[in-house]
Amino acid sequence: MRLQAVGLDVLEDLIRSGDLDAKLREAIPTLSVGRTVEWTAAAPKTIYNGDTGLPVFCVSSTNLNVNAAKFPAPTRANCAP
């Protein structure tokens, strides 16, 4: 996964408008997190049907189960508006 604090398109817009100095573009790093996983049509090991009913093709180096993170929110019986 590659993470950026601010998208390159936003930086370019700020530079073009004169709100950001162009030399600051290089000061904002792009961080690489985790191992590289290559997605190809043959790579997905499991197909999950998410909340929408549409298939999700998942590739993971950690055996991630996308459905495992989904659970019903607790009902708060003592709360009132």
PDB file of N, CA and C in Angstrom:
ATOM      1  N   MET A   1       0.847  -1.157   0.000  1.00  0.00           N
ATOM      2  CA  MET A   1       0.000   0.000   0.000  1.00  0.00           C
ATOM      3  C   MET A   1       0.897   1.224   0.000  1.00  0.00           C
ATOM      4  N   ARG A   2       0.489   2.200  -0.761  1.00  0.00           N
ATOM      5  CA  ARG A   2       1.240   3.451  -0.809  1.00  0.00           C
ATOM      6  C   ARG A   2       0.335   4.554  -0.279  1.00  0.00           C
ATOM      7  N   LEU A   3       0.842   5.314   0.693  1.00  0.00           N
ATOM      8  CA  LEU A   3       0.060   6.355   1.351  1.00  0.00           C
ATOM      9  C   LEU A   3       0.658   7.731   1.102  1.00  0.00           C
ATOM     10  N   GLN A   4      -0.225   8.702   0.892  1.00  0.00           N
ATOM     11  CA  GLN A   4       0.188  10.090   0.737  1.00  0.00           C
ATOM     12  C   GLN A   4      -0.683  10.948   1.644  1.00  0.00           C
ATOM     13  N   ALA A   5      -0.062  11.911   2.330  1.00  0.00           N
ATOM     14  CA  ALA A   5      -0.817  12.808   3.202  1.00  0.00           C
ATOM     15  C   ALA A   5      -1.759  13.688   2.387  1.00  0.00           C
ATOM     16  N   VAL A   6      -1.324  14.063   1.198  1.00  0.00           N
ATOM     17  CA  VAL A   6      -2.115  14.900   0.295  1.00  0.00           C
ATOM     18  C   VAL A   6      -1.939  14.322  -1.101  1.00  0.00           C
ATOM     19  N   GLY A   7      -3.034  14.147  -1.825  1.00  0.00           N
ATOM     20  CA  GLY A   7      -2.963  13.604  -3.175  1.00  0.00           C
ATOM     21  C   GLY A   7      -2.181  14.505  -4.112  1.00  0.00           C
ATOM     22  N   LEU A   8      -1.506  13.892  -5.068  1.00  0.00           N
ATOM     23  CA  LEU A   8      -0.710  14.670  -6.031  1.00  0.00           C
ATOM     24  C   LEU A   8      -1.579  15.625  -6.836  1.00  0.00           C
ATOM     25  N   ASP A   9      -2.815  15.246  -7.125  1.00  0.00           N
ATOM     26  CA  ASP A   9      -3.701  16.139  -7.868  1.00  0.00           C
ATOM     27  C   ASP A   9      -4.014  17.402  -7.063  1.00  0.00           C
ATOM     28  N   VAL A  10      -4.185  17.256  -5.757  1.00  0.00           N
ATOM     29  CA  VAL A  10      -4.446  18.412  -4.892  1.00  0.00           C
ATOM     30  C   VAL A  10      -3.215  19.305  -4.832  1.00  0.00           C
ATOM     31  N   LEU A  11      -2.031  18.692  -4.677  1.00  0.00           N
ATOM     32  CA  LEU A  11      -0.791  19.477  -4.665  1.00  0.00           C
ATOM     33  C   LEU A  11      -0.626  20.266  -5.955  1.00  0.00           C
ATOM     34  N   GLU A  12      -0.878  19.607  -7.085  1.00  0.00           N
ATOM     35  CA  GLU A  12      -0.731  20.289  -8.382  1.00  0.00           C
ATOM     36  C   GLU A  12      -1.703  21.459  -8.501  1.00  0.00           C
ATOM     37  N   ASP A  13      -2.937  21.269  -8.015  1.00  0.00           N
ATOM     38  CA  ASP A  13      -3.914  22.369  -8.050  1.00  0.00           C
ATOM     39  C   ASP A  13      -3.446  23.547  -7.189  1.00  0.00           C
ATOM     40  N   LEU A  14      -2.895  23.250  -6.005  1.00  0.00           N
ATOM     41  CA  LEU A  14      -2.410  24.312  -5.117  1.00  0.00           C
ATOM     42  C   LEU A  14      -1.219  25.037  -5.717  1.00  0.00           C
ATOM     43  N   ILE A  15      -0.336  24.302  -6.378  1.00  0.00           N
ATOM     44  CA  ILE A  15       0.821  24.926  -7.030  1.00  0.00           C
ATOM     45  C   ILE A  15       0.361  25.793  -8.196  1.00  0.00           C
ATOM     46  N   ARG A  16      -0.559  25.263  -8.999  1.00  0.00           N
ATOM     47  CA  ARG A  16      -1.066  26.003 -10.161  1.00  0.00           C
ATOM     48  C   ARG A  16      -1.769  27.295  -9.751  1.00  0.00           C
ATOM     49  N   SER A  17      -2.486  27.253  -8.612  1.00  0.00           N
ATOM     50  CA  SER A  17      -3.215  28.441  -8.156  1.00  0.00           C
ATOM     51  C   SER A  17      -2.301  29.442  -7.461  1.00  0.00           C
ATOM     52  N   GLY A  18      -1.056  29.051  -7.159  1.00  0.00           N
ATOM     53  CA  GLY A  18      -0.122  29.931  -6.478  1.00  0.00           C
ATOM     54  C   GLY A  18      -0.218  29.868  -4.958  1.00  0.00           C
ATOM     55  N   ASP A  19      -1.043  28.960  -4.429  1.00  0.00           N
ATOM     56  CA  ASP A  19      -1.200  28.825  -2.982  1.00  0.00           C
ATOM     57  C   ASP A  19      -0.115  27.971  -2.335  1.00  0.00           C
ATOM     58  N   LEU A  20       0.690  27.286  -3.138  1.00  0.00           N
ATOM     59  CA  LEU A  20       1.756  26.428  -2.616  1.00  0.00           C
ATOM     60  C   LEU A  20       2.978  26.584  -3.502  1.00  0.00           C
ATOM     61  N   ASP A  21       4.124  26.726  -2.878  1.00  0.00           N
ATOM     62  CA  ASP A  21       5.375  26.830  -3.616  1.00  0.00           C
ATOM     63  C   ASP A  21       5.697  25.468  -4.231  1.00  0.00           C
ATOM     64  N   ALA A  22       6.077  25.438  -5.486  1.00  0.00           N
ATOM     65  CA  ALA A  22       6.341  24.188  -6.214  1.00  0.00           C
ATOM     66  C   ALA A  22       7.447  23.350  -5.566  1.00  0.00           C
ATOM     67  N   LYS A  23       8.403  23.985  -4.894  1.00  0.00           N
ATOM     68  CA  LYS A  23       9.488  23.208  -4.287  1.00  0.00           C
ATOM     69  C   LYS A  23       9.011  22.386  -3.088  1.00  0.00           C
ATOM     70  N   LEU A  24       7.823  22.654  -2.566  1.00  0.00           N
ATOM     71  CA  LEU A  24       7.290  21.871  -1.451  1.00  0.00           C
ATOM     72  C   LEU A  24       6.689  20.543  -1.914  1.00  0.00           C
ATOM     73  N   ARG A  25       6.451  20.393  -3.218  1.00  0.00           N
ATOM     74  CA  ARG A  25       5.913  19.135  -3.757  1.00  0.00           C
ATOM     75  C   ARG A  25       6.790  17.952  -3.366  1.00  0.00           C
ATOM     76  N   GLU A  26       8.096  18.114  -3.441  1.00  0.00           N
ATOM     77  CA  GLU A  26       9.033  17.031  -3.125  1.00  0.00           C
ATOM     78  C   GLU A  26       9.167  16.791  -1.625  1.00  0.00           C
ATOM     79  N   ALA A  27       8.694  17.723  -0.795  1.00  0.00           N
ATOM     80  CA  ALA A  27       8.819  17.580   0.658  1.00  0.00           C
ATOM     81  C   ALA A  27       7.734  16.677   1.243  1.00  0.00           C
ATOM     82  N   ILE A  28       6.718  16.364   0.475  1.00  0.00           N
ATOM     83  CA  ILE A  28       5.629  15.515   0.961  1.00  0.00           C
ATOM     84  C   ILE A  28       5.884  14.094   0.463  1.00  0.00           C
ATOM     85  N   PRO A  29       6.240  13.190   1.394  1.00  0.00           N
ATOM     86  CA  PRO A  29       6.643  11.845   0.977  1.00  0.00           C
ATOM     87  C   PRO A  29       5.462  10.948   0.611  1.00  0.00           C
ATOM     88  N   THR A  30       5.740   9.941  -0.195  1.00  0.00           N
ATOM     89  CA  THR A  30       4.823   8.842  -0.438  1.00  0.00           C
ATOM     90  C   THR A  30       5.399   7.648   0.307  1.00  0.00           C
ATOM     91  N   LEU A  31       4.641   7.107   1.260  1.00  0.00           N
ATOM     92  CA  LEU A  31       5.130   6.025   2.109  1.00  0.00           C
ATOM     93  C   LEU A  31       4.652   4.676   1.590  1.00  0.00           C
ATOM     94  N   SER A  32       5.527   3.700   1.591  1.00  0.00           N
ATOM     95  CA  SER A  32       5.165   2.333   1.236  1.00  0.00           C
ATOM     96  C   SER A  32       4.977   1.555   2.537  1.00  0.00           C
ATOM     97  N   VAL A  33       3.828   0.903   2.668  1.00  0.00           N
ATOM     98  CA  VAL A  33       3.490   0.174   3.887  1.00  0.00           C
ATOM     99  C   VAL A  33       3.205  -1.279   3.526  1.00  0.00           C
ATOM    100  N   GLY A  34       3.848  -2.203   4.209  1.00  0.00           N
ATOM    101  CA  GLY A  34       3.601  -3.625   3.974  1.00  0.00           C
ATOM    102  C   GLY A  34       4.338  -4.158   2.768  1.00  0.00           C
ATOM    103  N   ARG A  35       4.140  -5.463   2.545  1.00  0.00           N
ATOM    104  CA  ARG A  35       4.779  -6.120   1.405  1.00  0.00           C
ATOM    105  C   ARG A  35       4.019  -5.818   0.123  1.00  0.00           C
ATOM    106  N   THR A  36       4.687  -5.942  -0.995  1.00  0.00           N
ATOM    107  CA  THR A  36       4.057  -5.737  -2.287  1.00  0.00           C
ATOM    108  C   THR A  36       3.210  -6.950  -2.640  1.00  0.00           C
ATOM    109  N   VAL A  37       1.959  -6.698  -3.036  1.00  0.00           N
ATOM    110  CA  VAL A  37       1.053  -7.749  -3.471  1.00  0.00           C
ATOM    111  C   VAL A  37       0.610  -7.390  -4.883  1.00  0.00           C
ATOM    112  N   GLU A  38       0.808  -8.312  -5.813  1.00  0.00           N
ATOM    113  CA  GLU A  38       0.428  -8.048  -7.203  1.00  0.00           C
ATOM    114  C   GLU A  38      -0.931  -8.659  -7.479  1.00  0.00           C
ATOM    115  N   TRP A  39      -1.862  -7.815  -7.936  1.00  0.00           N
ATOM    116  CA  TRP A  39      -3.204  -8.274  -8.270  1.00  0.00           C
ATOM    117  C   TRP A  39      -3.251  -8.595  -9.755  1.00  0.00           C
ATOM    118  N   THR A  40      -3.637  -9.816 -10.059  1.00  0.00           N
ATOM    119  CA  THR A  40      -3.899 -10.219 -11.435  1.00  0.00           C
ATOM    120  C   THR A  40      -5.248 -10.925 -11.438  1.00  0.00           C
ATOM    121  N   ALA A  41      -5.824 -11.136 -12.582  1.00  0.00           N
ATOM    122  CA  ALA A  41      -7.127 -11.803 -12.666  1.00  0.00           C
ATOM    123  C   ALA A  41      -7.086 -13.198 -12.057  1.00  0.00           C
ATOM    124  N   ALA A  42      -5.923 -13.853 -12.097  1.00  0.00           N
ATOM    125  CA  ALA A  42      -5.805 -15.207 -11.556  1.00  0.00           C
ATOM    126  C   ALA A  42      -5.449 -15.224 -10.068  1.00  0.00           C
ATOM    127  N   ALA A  43      -5.038 -14.092  -9.495  1.00  0.00           N
ATOM    128  CA  ALA A  43      -4.525 -14.055  -8.125  1.00  0.00           C
ATOM    129  C   ALA A  43      -5.567 -14.235  -7.018  1.00  0.00           C
ATOM    130  N   PRO A  44      -6.797 -13.723  -7.141  1.00  0.00           N
ATOM    131  CA  PRO A  44      -7.735 -13.840  -6.016  1.00  0.00           C
ATOM    132  C   PRO A  44      -8.015 -15.290  -5.654  1.00  0.00           C
ATOM    133  N   LYS A  45      -7.919 -15.574  -4.350  1.00  0.00           N
ATOM    134  CA  LYS A  45      -8.170 -16.925  -3.876  1.00  0.00           C
ATOM    135  C   LYS A  45      -9.608 -17.096  -3.420  1.00  0.00           C
ATOM    136  N   THR A  46     -10.244 -16.012  -3.035  1.00  0.00           N
ATOM    137  CA  THR A  46     -11.597 -16.080  -2.502  1.00  0.00           C
ATOM    138  C   THR A  46     -12.426 -14.947  -3.088  1.00  0.00           C
ATOM    139  N   ILE A  47     -13.677 -15.222  -3.344  1.00  0.00           N
ATOM    140  CA  ILE A  47     -14.609 -14.187  -3.792  1.00  0.00           C
ATOM    141  C   ILE A  47     -15.636 -14.002  -2.682  1.00  0.00           C
ATOM    142  N   TYR A  48     -15.756 -12.782  -2.188  1.00  0.00           N
ATOM    143  CA  TYR A  48     -16.700 -12.469  -1.123  1.00  0.00           C
ATOM    144  C   TYR A  48     -17.871 -11.682  -1.692  1.00  0.00           C
ATOM    145  N   ASN A  49     -19.057 -11.964  -1.226  1.00  0.00           N
ATOM    146  CA  ASN A  49     -20.209 -11.141  -1.563  1.00  0.00           C
ATOM    147  C   ASN A  49     -20.406 -10.161  -0.423  1.00  0.00           C
ATOM    148  N   GLY A  50     -20.161  -8.905  -0.698  1.00  0.00           N
ATOM    149  CA  GLY A  50     -20.257  -7.875   0.333  1.00  0.00           C
ATOM    150  C   GLY A  50     -21.682  -7.434   0.569  1.00  0.00           C
ATOM    151  N   ASP A  51     -21.831  -6.324   1.231  1.00  0.00           N
ATOM    152  CA  ASP A  51     -23.144  -5.785   1.569  1.00  0.00           C
ATOM    153  C   ASP A  51     -23.979  -5.483   0.333  1.00  0.00           C
ATOM    154  N   THR A  52     -23.330  -5.178  -0.769  1.00  0.00           N
ATOM    155  CA  THR A  52     -24.045  -4.828  -1.996  1.00  0.00           C
ATOM    156  C   THR A  52     -24.478  -6.048  -2.789  1.00  0.00           C
ATOM    157  N   GLY A  53     -23.946  -7.204  -2.439  1.00  0.00           N
ATOM    158  CA  GLY A  53     -24.242  -8.409  -3.203  1.00  0.00           C
ATOM    159  C   GLY A  53     -23.336  -8.577  -4.407  1.00  0.00           C
ATOM    160  N   LEU A  54     -22.458  -7.597  -4.628  1.00  0.00           N
ATOM    161  CA  LEU A  54     -21.521  -7.670  -5.747  1.00  0.00           C
ATOM    162  C   LEU A  54     -20.271  -8.427  -5.309  1.00  0.00           C
ATOM    163  N   PRO A  55     -19.640  -9.155  -6.213  1.00  0.00           N
ATOM    164  CA  PRO A  55     -18.432  -9.887  -5.826  1.00  0.00           C
ATOM    165  C   PRO A  55     -17.264  -8.943  -5.555  1.00  0.00           C
ATOM    166  N   VAL A  56     -16.424  -9.342  -4.606  1.00  0.00           N
ATOM    167  CA  VAL A  56     -15.210  -8.620  -4.269  1.00  0.00           C
ATOM    168  C   VAL A  56     -14.060  -9.600  -4.445  1.00  0.00           C
ATOM    169  N   PHE A  57     -13.076  -9.234  -5.220  1.00  0.00           N
ATOM    170  CA  PHE A  57     -11.935 -10.094  -5.470  1.00  0.00           C
ATOM    171  C   PHE A  57     -10.779  -9.611  -4.605  1.00  0.00           C
ATOM    172  N   CYS A  58     -10.332 -10.431  -3.676  1.00  0.00           N
ATOM    173  CA  CYS A  58      -9.348 -10.007  -2.694  1.00  0.00           C
ATOM    174  C   CYS A  58      -8.033 -10.763  -2.859  1.00  0.00           C
ATOM    175  N   VAL A  59      -6.930 -10.019  -2.822  1.00  0.00           N
ATOM    176  CA  VAL A  59      -5.596 -10.595  -2.840  1.00  0.00           C
ATOM    177  C   VAL A  59      -4.894 -10.101  -1.592  1.00  0.00           C
ATOM    178  N   SER A  60      -4.343 -11.004  -0.804  1.00  0.00           N
ATOM    179  CA  SER A  60      -3.722 -10.624   0.458  1.00  0.00           C
ATOM    180  C   SER A  60      -2.500 -11.502   0.725  1.00  0.00           C
ATOM    181  N   SER A  61      -1.505 -10.908   1.334  1.00  0.00           N
ATOM    182  CA  SER A  61      -0.346 -11.692   1.765  1.00  0.00           C
ATOM    183  C   SER A  61      -0.527 -12.139   3.217  1.00  0.00           C
ATOM    184  N   THR A  62      -1.675 -11.797   3.835  1.00  0.00           N
ATOM    185  CA  THR A  62      -1.916 -12.131   5.242  1.00  0.00           C
ATOM    186  C   THR A  62      -3.169 -12.979   5.434  1.00  0.00           C
ATOM    187  N   ASN A  63      -3.731 -13.529   4.374  1.00  0.00           N
ATOM    188  CA  ASN A  63      -4.977 -14.298   4.445  1.00  0.00           C
ATOM    189  C   ASN A  63      -6.122 -13.467   5.012  1.00  0.00           C
ATOM    190  N   LEU A  64      -6.164 -12.194   4.661  1.00  0.00           N
ATOM    191  CA  LEU A  64      -7.202 -11.286   5.106  1.00  0.00           C
ATOM    192  C   LEU A  64      -8.577 -11.806   4.719  1.00  0.00           C
ATOM    193  N   ASN A  65      -9.492 -11.775   5.644  1.00  0.00           N
ATOM    194  CA  ASN A  65     -10.880 -12.141   5.379  1.00  0.00           C
ATOM    195  C   ASN A  65     -11.701 -10.862   5.483  1.00  0.00           C
ATOM    196  N   VAL A  66     -12.122 -10.311   4.355  1.00  0.00           N
ATOM    197  CA  VAL A  66     -12.842  -9.040   4.367  1.00  0.00           C
ATOM    198  C   VAL A  66     -14.154  -9.118   5.124  1.00  0.00           C
ATOM    199  N   ASN A  67     -14.784 -10.249   5.151  1.00  0.00           N
ATOM    200  CA  ASN A  67     -16.041 -10.382   5.880  1.00  0.00           C
ATOM    201  C   ASN A  67     -15.838 -10.411   7.386  1.00  0.00           C
ATOM    202  N   ALA A  68     -14.651 -10.724   7.860  1.00  0.00           N
ATOM    203  CA  ALA A  68     -14.403 -10.832   9.293  1.00  0.00           C
ATOM    204  C   ALA A  68     -14.515  -9.479   9.990  1.00  0.00           C
ATOM    205  N   ALA A  69     -14.304  -8.396   9.284  1.00  0.00           N
ATOM    206  CA  ALA A  69     -14.362  -7.072   9.883  1.00  0.00           C
ATOM    207  C   ALA A  69     -15.792  -6.539   9.945  1.00  0.00           C
ATOM    208  N   LYS A  70     -16.751  -7.309   9.458  1.00  0.00           N
ATOM    209  CA  LYS A  70     -18.133  -6.840   9.428  1.00  0.00           C
ATOM    210  C   LYS A  70     -18.928  -7.543  10.516  1.00  0.00           C
ATOM    211  N   PHE A  71     -19.523  -6.752  11.366  1.00  0.00           N
ATOM    212  CA  PHE A  71     -20.379  -7.318  12.400  1.00  0.00           C
ATOM    213  C   PHE A  71     -21.416  -6.260  12.745  1.00  0.00           C
ATOM    214  N   PRO A  72     -22.588  -6.676  13.245  1.00  0.00           N
ATOM    215  CA  PRO A  72     -23.635  -5.710  13.540  1.00  0.00           C
ATOM    216  C   PRO A  72     -23.226  -4.762  14.668  1.00  0.00           C
ATOM    217  N   ALA A  73     -23.630  -3.531  14.554  1.00  0.00           N
ATOM    218  CA  ALA A  73     -23.370  -2.561  15.614  1.00  0.00           C
ATOM    219  C   ALA A  73     -24.204  -2.934  16.833  1.00  0.00           C
ATOM    220  N   PRO A  74     -23.685  -2.703  18.041  1.00  0.00           N
ATOM    221  CA  PRO A  74     -24.442  -3.049  19.234  1.00  0.00           C
ATOM    222  C   PRO A  74     -25.681  -2.168  19.369  1.00  0.00           C
ATOM    223  N   THR A  75     -26.717  -2.724  19.947  1.00  0.00           N
ATOM    224  CA  THR A  75     -27.937  -1.967  20.214  1.00  0.00           C
ATOM    225  C   THR A  75     -27.794  -1.321  21.583  1.00  0.00           C
ATOM    226  N   ARG A  76     -27.992  -0.053  21.656  1.00  0.00           N
ATOM    227  CA  ARG A  76     -27.870   0.681  22.921  1.00  0.00           C
ATOM    228  C   ARG A  76     -29.264   0.836  23.536  1.00  0.00           C
ATOM    229  N   ALA A  77     -29.606  -0.052  24.453  1.00  0.00           N
ATOM    230  CA  ALA A  77     -30.951  -0.049  25.057  1.00  0.00           C
ATOM    231  C   ALA A  77     -31.134   1.115  26.013  1.00  0.00           C
ATOM    232  N   ASN A  78     -30.051   1.653  26.600  1.00  0.00           N
ATOM    233  CA  ASN A  78     -30.164   2.715  27.600  1.00  0.00           C
ATOM    234  C   ASN A  78     -30.106   4.122  27.028  1.00  0.00           C
ATOM    235  N   CYS A  79     -29.892   4.250  25.730  1.00  0.00           N
ATOM    236  CA  CYS A  79     -29.757   5.562  25.112  1.00  0.00           C
ATOM    237  C   CYS A  79     -31.100   6.049  24.606  1.00  0.00           C
ATOM    238  N   ALA A  80     -31.326   7.351  24.719  1.00  0.00           N
ATOM    239  CA  ALA A  80     -32.553   7.962  24.206  1.00  0.00           C
ATOM    240  C   ALA A  80     -32.179   9.324  23.627  1.00  0.00           C
ATOM    241  N   PRO A  81     -32.947   9.774  22.648  1.00  0.00           N
ATOM    242  CA  PRO A  81     -32.630  11.092  22.058  1.00  0.00           C
ATOM    243  C   PRO A  81     -32.806  12.239  23.023  1.00  0.00           C
TER     244      PRO A  81
END
